[in-house]
Amino acid sequence: MTTEEPDGRGAPREPYGVPPVPDEVWLSFLTDSESAIRLSAPREPSARERAAGRQLQPPHVRR
């Protein structure tokens, strides 16, 4: 999120306290395909798994 100077001119800047996003993160965001995102995203437990109070297993790493 960026904000402009109060007078509406000038370059946007980051709000106070917001760390800058590294260039590598932006590059990954711009170039990742949907399948790459699906492989790297954490798995959300199903409602049935949450209701049963099952112990969650660590995600399997696909290579």
Protein backbone atom coordinates (compact mmCIF):
# COMPACT_ATOMS: atom_id res chain seq x y z
CA MET A 1 0.00 0.00 0.00
CA THR A 2 1.32 3.40 -0.87
CA THR A 3 0.23 6.92 -0.10
CA GLU A 4 0.86 10.14 -1.94
CA GLU A 5 2.15 13.34 -0.45
CA PRO A 6 -0.60 15.47 1.18
CA ASP A 7 -0.61 17.95 -1.71
CA GLY A 8 -1.33 15.15 -4.22
CA ARG A 9 1.99 15.61 -5.99
CA GLY A 10 5.17 13.63 -5.79
CA ALA A 11 6.01 9.98 -5.81
CA PRO A 12 4.04 7.56 -3.63
CA ARG A 13 5.87 6.34 -0.55
CA GLU A 14 5.48 3.45 1.87
CA PRO A 15 3.49 4.18 5.04
CA TYR A 16 5.55 4.48 8.22
CA GLY A 17 6.48 1.10 9.69
CA VAL A 18 5.83 -0.96 6.55
CA PRO A 19 8.97 -2.84 5.51
CA PRO A 20 9.86 -2.68 1.81
CA VAL A 21 9.22 -5.80 -0.26
CA PRO A 22 12.45 -7.27 -1.66
CA ASP A 23 12.86 -7.32 -5.44
CA GLU A 24 13.09 -11.14 -5.41
CA VAL A 25 9.58 -11.35 -3.93
CA TRP A 26 8.15 -9.04 -6.61
CA LEU A 27 9.90 -11.00 -9.35
CA SER A 28 8.49 -14.26 -7.99
CA PHE A 29 5.02 -12.67 -7.80
CA LEU A 30 5.22 -11.56 -11.41
CA THR A 31 6.65 -14.77 -12.87
CA ASP A 32 5.07 -17.62 -10.86
CA SER A 33 2.62 -19.78 -12.76
CA GLU A 34 -0.60 -21.04 -11.20
CA SER A 35 0.84 -24.56 -10.85
CA ALA A 36 3.96 -23.22 -9.08
CA ILE A 37 1.77 -21.29 -6.66
CA ARG A 38 -0.36 -24.36 -5.93
CA LEU A 39 2.74 -26.43 -5.19
CA SER A 40 4.24 -23.89 -2.81
CA ALA A 41 1.08 -22.76 -1.01
CA PRO A 42 0.36 -24.17 2.46
CA ARG A 43 -2.54 -26.61 2.65
CA GLU A 44 -5.58 -25.51 4.64
CA PRO A 45 -7.12 -28.38 6.65
CA SER A 46 -10.63 -29.37 5.64
CA ALA A 47 -13.61 -28.63 7.88
CA ARG A 48 -13.83 -32.34 8.68
CA GLU A 49 -10.18 -32.40 9.79
CA ARG A 50 -10.65 -29.30 11.94
CA ALA A 51 -13.85 -30.61 13.53
CA ALA A 52 -12.31 -33.96 14.37
CA GLY A 53 -9.33 -32.29 16.04
CA ARG A 54 -6.92 -34.38 14.05
CA GLN A 55 -3.23 -33.74 14.35
CA LEU A 56 -2.10 -32.02 11.22
CA GLN A 57 0.63 -33.69 9.23
CA PRO A 58 3.40 -31.57 7.79
CA PRO A 59 2.85 -30.85 4.11
CA HIS A 60 4.47 -33.26 1.69
CA VAL A 61 7.11 -31.60 -0.39
CA ARG A 62 6.50 -32.21 -4.08
CA ARG A 63 9.52 -32.07 -6.31
